[in-house]
Amino acid sequence: MNTAISDLKKELKSKLQFWNNLKSRKAKAALILVFVALITLKIFTTVLTFDWLIEFLN
């Protein structure tokens, strides 16, 4: 358990360091946009899947 937590902390620190090393606002904006787009796509496909499943069961 302790090794998993320490690995997670190392990974988070590396991601934060990558974010802090980005100097371009355009690059940061693009990363945020991609992240939001992936979340939106996941929600959208999940909703469509459940709609299809509900209609299939009726």
Protein backbone atom coordinates (compact mmCIF):
# COMPACT_ATOMS: atom_id res chain seq x y z
CA MET A 1 0.00 0.00 0.00
CA ASN A 2 2.80 2.40 0.88
CA THR A 3 4.60 1.69 -2.38
CA ALA A 4 1.44 2.38 -4.37
CA ILE A 5 0.96 5.71 -2.59
CA SER A 6 4.58 6.71 -3.12
CA ASP A 7 4.35 5.75 -6.81
CA LEU A 8 1.22 7.84 -7.14
CA LYS A 9 2.91 10.81 -5.48
CA LYS A 10 5.89 10.50 -7.84
CA GLU A 11 3.58 10.38 -10.84
CA LEU A 12 1.63 13.43 -9.68
CA LYS A 13 4.85 15.35 -9.04
CA SER A 14 6.11 14.54 -12.53
CA LYS A 15 2.82 15.67 -14.09
CA LEU A 16 2.90 18.90 -12.08
CA GLN A 17 6.51 19.50 -13.11
CA PHE A 18 5.56 18.97 -16.77
CA TRP A 19 2.70 21.47 -16.39
CA ASN A 20 4.97 24.03 -14.71
CA ASN A 21 7.61 23.64 -17.42
CA LEU A 22 5.12 24.55 -20.16
CA LYS A 23 5.69 28.20 -20.97
CA SER A 24 3.23 28.56 -23.82
CA ARG A 25 -0.30 29.58 -22.91
CA LYS A 26 -1.49 28.05 -26.18
CA ALA A 27 -0.07 24.66 -25.21
CA LYS A 28 -1.70 24.81 -21.78
CA ALA A 29 -5.01 25.85 -23.33
CA ALA A 30 -4.77 23.00 -25.85
CA LEU A 31 -4.13 20.45 -23.09
CA ILE A 32 -7.09 21.73 -21.09
CA LEU A 33 -9.28 21.63 -24.19
CA VAL A 34 -8.24 18.04 -24.97
CA PHE A 35 -8.93 17.01 -21.38
CA VAL A 36 -12.40 18.58 -21.40
CA ALA A 37 -13.14 17.07 -24.82
CA LEU A 38 -12.22 13.57 -23.61
CA ILE A 39 -14.43 13.91 -20.54
CA THR A 40 -17.31 15.20 -22.69
CA LEU A 41 -16.88 12.38 -25.19
CA LYS A 42 -16.93 9.80 -22.40
CA ILE A 43 -20.14 11.24 -20.93
CA PHE A 44 -21.77 11.52 -24.36
CA THR A 45 -21.00 7.93 -25.34
CA THR A 46 -22.15 6.63 -21.96
CA VAL A 47 -25.49 8.42 -22.30
CA LEU A 48 -25.97 7.06 -25.82
CA THR A 49 -25.14 3.56 -24.65
CA PHE A 50 -27.70 3.69 -21.87
CA ASP A 51 -30.33 5.16 -24.21
CA TRP A 52 -29.78 2.30 -26.64
CA LEU A 53 -29.87 -0.26 -23.83
CA ILE A 54 -33.11 1.11 -22.37
CA GLU A 55 -34.81 1.05 -25.78
CA PHE A 56 -33.48 -2.46 -26.41
CA LEU A 57 -34.91 -3.76 -23.13
CA ASN A 58 -38.34 -2.21 -23.78
